[in-house]
Amino acid sequence: MDEQTLRQNIDRVLERIAAAESHAGRSGQVALIAVSKTQPAETVAAAARLGLARFGENRVEEAGPKAEALAALALEGRMPLEWHMVGHLQSRKAEDVFPWASLVHSVDSIKLAGRLSRATRAGVTLPILLQVNVSGETSKEGFAPEEVPEAVRIIAALPGLRIDGLMTMAPIAADPEDVRPVFRALRGLRDDLARQYPLLSWRHLSMGMTDDFEIAIEEGATLVRIGRAIFGER
């Protein structure tokens, strides 16, 4: 993708985010995570030069080398890039996120949380989000909504981790309005958990992608994960 097209895509997405925030009375509350999976380091570097600072990756094998290749950007007077793990993370690869991930969106089991906890170093805290399969689709990872309170009780006690909120993936729908109940349900679950566990941070709702992020923002998203609208079809 040429830089002019990339610039246009980024500007359009940022305008749509701002419009959705304004419509919901939430201006300045949503952060864009540019999902850069399968994109070469050169394309991510171009996006960074155009002002993006947070990138989401799905595979640790791809993310680590890419983050390392782009670390030099911090030496050019720019803010260091922030990398998020947004895809399914296998428990056996848990420790591989630590060199680069500032937030793991996709903690979908107590087993994975335990592996992440054991991989933390002394004095290091890894922020995480719990992935919730609100829609109940068998193709999606995540805790069932009714499992989350007990998972929070267990995971909150693990050293080295900090629960910062929840994440979900909505079903594919022809009309984005059809997925509004999914986002609304995640927000409701977060609010219930905040009452049950008031000492934990519930600052983030990671929900909304290219086809439905405006609806997600209206329903309370703080992080939207957008790839195709920025980088085009893979």
Protein backbone atom coordinates (compact mmCIF):
# COMPACT_ATOMS: atom_id res chain seq x y z
CA MET A 1 0.00 0.00 0.00
CA ASP A 2 1.34 3.45 -0.91
CA GLU A 3 1.72 6.04 1.83
CA GLN A 4 -0.95 8.38 0.42
CA THR A 5 -3.58 5.63 0.56
CA LEU A 6 -2.45 4.67 4.04
CA ARG A 7 -2.73 8.28 5.17
CA GLN A 8 -6.24 8.55 3.74
CA ASN A 9 -7.30 5.35 5.46
CA ILE A 10 -5.92 6.43 8.82
CA ASP A 11 -7.52 9.87 8.57
CA ARG A 12 -10.87 8.32 7.66
CA VAL A 13 -10.77 5.88 10.58
CA LEU A 14 -9.79 8.61 13.05
CA GLU A 15 -12.62 10.80 11.76
CA ARG A 16 -15.10 7.96 12.20
CA ILE A 17 -13.86 7.29 15.74
CA ALA A 18 -14.17 10.97 16.63
CA ALA A 19 -17.68 11.15 15.17
CA ALA A 20 -18.79 8.05 17.09
CA GLU A 21 -17.28 9.42 20.31
CA SER A 22 -19.06 12.73 19.79
CA HIS A 23 -22.36 11.00 19.08
CA ALA A 24 -22.00 9.00 22.30
CA GLY A 25 -20.82 11.97 24.37
CA ARG A 26 -17.47 10.26 24.97
CA SER A 27 -14.95 12.46 23.17
CA GLY A 28 -11.33 11.49 23.75
CA GLN A 29 -12.10 8.21 25.53
CA VAL A 30 -11.27 5.71 22.79
CA ALA A 31 -7.84 4.49 21.68
CA LEU A 32 -7.18 3.01 18.26
CA ILE A 33 -5.26 -0.27 18.12
CA ALA A 34 -4.10 -0.70 14.52
CA VAL A 35 -4.12 -4.44 13.90
CA SER A 36 -0.96 -5.00 11.92
CA LYS A 37 -0.92 -8.79 11.66
CA THR A 38 0.66 -9.99 8.40
CA GLN A 39 1.77 -6.45 7.59
CA PRO A 40 5.51 -6.01 6.98
CA ALA A 41 7.57 -3.85 9.29
CA GLU A 42 7.90 -1.23 6.55
CA THR A 43 4.13 -0.73 6.42
CA VAL A 44 3.88 -0.44 10.20
CA ALA A 45 6.75 2.05 10.16
CA ALA A 46 4.86 4.13 7.59
CA ALA A 47 1.75 4.06 9.79
CA ALA A 48 3.86 5.15 12.76
CA ARG A 49 5.27 8.06 10.76
CA LEU A 50 1.66 9.07 10.09
CA GLY A 51 0.94 9.24 13.81
CA LEU A 52 -0.21 5.80 14.91
CA ALA A 53 1.45 4.52 18.07
CA ARG A 54 -0.50 1.42 19.17
CA PHE A 55 -0.41 -1.76 17.14
CA GLY A 56 -2.08 -5.12 17.68
CA GLU A 57 -0.59 -8.46 16.72
CA ASN A 58 -2.13 -11.94 16.61
CA ARG A 59 0.89 -14.24 16.54
CA VAL A 60 3.88 -14.07 18.86
CA GLU A 61 6.14 -15.50 16.17
CA GLU A 62 5.43 -12.50 13.96
CA ALA A 63 5.10 -9.85 16.63
CA GLY A 64 8.43 -10.25 18.39
CA PRO A 65 10.69 -9.74 15.38
CA LYS A 66 8.47 -6.94 14.07
CA ALA A 67 8.56 -5.05 17.36
CA GLU A 68 12.31 -5.45 17.53
CA ALA A 69 12.73 -4.19 13.97
CA LEU A 70 10.66 -1.11 14.73
CA ALA A 71 12.24 -0.28 18.08
CA ALA A 72 14.65 2.05 16.28
CA LEU A 73 11.77 4.46 15.68
CA ALA A 74 12.08 5.51 19.31
CA LEU A 75 15.55 6.81 18.44
CA GLU A 76 14.10 9.21 15.86
CA GLY A 77 12.47 11.42 18.45
CA ARG A 78 9.15 9.61 18.30
CA MET A 79 7.30 8.06 21.18
CA PRO A 80 8.06 4.33 21.47
CA LEU A 81 5.47 2.16 19.79
CA GLU A 82 3.04 0.25 21.98
CA TRP A 83 2.33 -3.37 21.08
CA HIS A 84 -0.78 -5.29 22.10
CA MET A 85 -1.41 -9.02 21.86
CA VAL A 86 -4.93 -9.27 20.45
CA GLY A 87 -5.05 -12.82 19.07
CA HIS A 88 -5.35 -16.23 20.66
CA LEU A 89 -2.30 -16.97 22.78
CA GLN A 90 -1.35 -20.60 23.37
CA SER A 91 -0.37 -21.31 26.96
CA ARG A 92 2.94 -22.84 25.90
CA LYS A 93 3.89 -19.55 24.22
CA ALA A 94 2.85 -17.31 27.10
CA GLU A 95 6.35 -16.20 28.02
CA ASP A 96 7.01 -15.08 24.44
CA VAL A 97 4.81 -11.98 24.83
CA PHE A 98 6.94 -10.40 27.55
CA PRO A 99 9.67 -8.84 25.42
CA TRP A 100 7.16 -6.74 23.49
CA ALA A 101 3.52 -6.75 24.71
CA SER A 102 2.28 -3.89 26.87
CA LEU A 103 -1.24 -5.36 27.11
CA VAL A 104 -2.64 -8.83 26.42
CA HIS A 105 -6.27 -8.55 25.31
CA SER A 106 -6.91 -12.26 24.89
CA VAL A 107 -6.54 -14.04 28.23
CA ASP A 108 -9.16 -16.70 27.64
CA SER A 109 -8.47 -19.30 30.32
CA ILE A 110 -7.26 -19.66 33.88
CA LYS A 111 -4.50 -21.93 32.56
CA LEU A 112 -3.15 -19.17 30.30
CA ALA A 113 -3.30 -16.64 33.13
CA GLY A 114 -1.32 -19.02 35.31
CA ARG A 115 1.35 -19.45 32.64
CA LEU A 116 1.61 -15.68 32.20
CA SER A 117 1.88 -15.21 35.95
CA ARG A 118 4.68 -17.77 36.24
CA ALA A 119 6.55 -16.10 33.37
CA THR A 120 6.56 -12.63 34.91
CA ARG A 121 9.76 -11.28 36.36
CA ALA A 122 10.06 -9.84 39.85
CA GLY A 123 8.79 -6.29 39.96
CA VAL A 124 7.04 -6.55 36.57
CA THR A 125 3.26 -6.37 36.22
CA LEU A 126 1.57 -7.38 32.97
CA PRO A 127 -1.80 -5.72 32.27
CA ILE A 128 -4.34 -8.15 30.84
CA LEU A 129 -7.92 -8.25 29.62
CA LEU A 130 -10.15 -11.27 30.01
CA GLN A 131 -11.65 -12.44 26.73
CA VAL A 132 -15.35 -13.19 26.99
CA ASN A 133 -17.26 -15.19 24.40
CA VAL A 134 -20.46 -13.19 24.75
CA SER A 135 -22.04 -14.55 21.58
CA GLY A 136 -21.45 -18.18 22.53
CA GLU A 137 -20.03 -19.07 19.11
CA THR A 138 -18.05 -22.30 19.18
CA SER A 139 -15.53 -20.79 16.76
CA LYS A 140 -14.51 -18.12 19.29
CA GLU A 141 -12.24 -18.40 22.31
CA GLY A 142 -13.02 -16.93 25.70
CA PHE A 143 -14.80 -17.39 28.99
CA ALA A 144 -18.55 -17.83 28.97
CA PRO A 145 -20.08 -14.79 30.71
CA GLU A 146 -21.20 -16.85 33.69
CA GLU A 147 -17.63 -18.13 34.18
CA VAL A 148 -16.04 -14.71 34.45
CA PRO A 149 -16.69 -13.83 38.12
CA GLU A 150 -14.99 -17.00 39.36
CA ALA A 151 -12.16 -16.54 36.83
CA VAL A 152 -11.63 -13.02 38.13
CA ARG A 153 -11.45 -14.30 41.70
CA ILE A 154 -8.70 -16.76 40.77
CA ILE A 155 -6.74 -14.63 38.32
CA ALA A 156 -6.77 -11.51 40.50
CA ALA A 157 -4.81 -13.46 43.11
CA LEU A 158 -2.02 -14.42 40.69
CA PRO A 159 1.22 -12.45 41.08
CA GLY A 160 2.50 -10.35 38.22
CA LEU A 161 -0.84 -9.78 36.48
CA ARG A 162 -3.28 -6.87 36.59
CA ILE A 163 -6.80 -7.23 35.23
CA ASP A 164 -7.60 -4.04 33.34
CA GLY A 165 -10.94 -4.99 31.81
CA LEU A 166 -12.62 -7.25 29.28
CA MET A 167 -12.43 -8.04 25.58
CA THR A 168 -14.86 -9.65 23.15
CA MET A 169 -15.27 -10.38 19.46
CA ALA A 170 -18.72 -9.90 17.96
CA PRO A 171 -20.21 -12.20 15.33
CA ILE A 172 -19.96 -11.20 11.69
CA ALA A 173 -23.20 -9.46 10.73
CA ALA A 174 -24.48 -7.72 7.61
CA ASP A 175 -25.96 -4.97 9.79
CA PRO A 176 -23.66 -3.69 12.57
CA GLU A 177 -26.74 -2.92 14.66
CA ASP A 178 -27.25 -6.66 15.03
CA VAL A 179 -24.14 -6.92 17.23
CA ARG A 180 -25.03 -4.05 19.56
CA PRO A 181 -26.44 -6.50 22.17
CA VAL A 182 -23.06 -8.25 22.34
CA PHE A 183 -21.23 -5.03 23.15
CA ARG A 184 -23.94 -3.92 25.56
CA ALA A 185 -23.74 -7.26 27.36
CA LEU A 186 -19.95 -6.96 27.79
CA ARG A 187 -20.34 -3.48 29.23
CA GLY A 188 -23.00 -4.75 31.62
CA LEU A 189 -20.76 -7.61 32.71
CA ARG A 190 -17.89 -5.18 33.30
CA ASP A 191 -20.14 -2.97 35.41
CA ASP A 192 -21.27 -5.96 37.49
CA LEU A 193 -17.67 -7.05 38.02
CA ALA A 194 -16.66 -3.54 39.06
CA ARG A 195 -19.24 -3.74 41.82
CA GLN A 196 -18.09 -7.21 42.90
CA TYR A 197 -14.38 -6.40 42.68
CA PRO A 198 -14.09 -2.64 43.25
CA LEU A 199 -10.36 -2.75 43.95
CA LEU A 200 -9.53 -4.00 40.47
CA SER A 201 -9.05 -1.81 37.41
CA TRP A 202 -11.92 -2.08 34.93
CA ARG A 203 -10.75 0.75 32.72
CA HIS A 204 -10.86 -1.04 29.38
CA LEU A 205 -13.46 -2.60 27.13
CA SER A 206 -11.69 -3.90 24.03
CA MET A 207 -14.43 -4.39 21.47
CA GLY A 208 -15.19 -3.29 17.95
CA MET A 209 -13.40 -3.97 14.67
CA THR A 210 -13.56 -2.60 11.13
CA ASP A 211 -17.20 -3.49 10.49
CA ASP A 212 -18.70 -2.54 13.85
CA PHE A 213 -16.41 -0.24 15.83
CA GLU A 214 -18.78 2.73 15.81
CA ILE A 215 -21.49 0.66 17.51
CA ALA A 216 -18.88 -0.58 20.00
CA ILE A 217 -17.88 2.99 20.83
CA GLU A 218 -21.50 3.92 21.44
CA GLU A 219 -21.70 0.98 23.85
CA GLY A 220 -18.60 1.91 25.82
CA ALA A 221 -15.50 0.60 24.03
CA THR A 222 -12.24 2.17 25.15
CA LEU A 223 -10.04 0.18 22.74
CA VAL A 224 -11.05 -0.59 19.15
CA ARG A 225 -9.04 -3.09 17.11
CA ILE A 226 -9.00 -2.04 13.47
CA GLY A 227 -6.97 -3.64 10.71
CA ARG A 228 -8.72 -3.86 7.35
CA ALA A 229 -9.98 -0.26 7.31
CA ILE A 230 -6.38 0.91 7.77
CA PHE A 231 -4.21 -1.59 5.93
CA GLY A 232 -6.69 -3.00 3.42
CA GLU A 233 -7.54 -6.61 2.73
CA ARG A 234 -4.82 -9.09 3.67
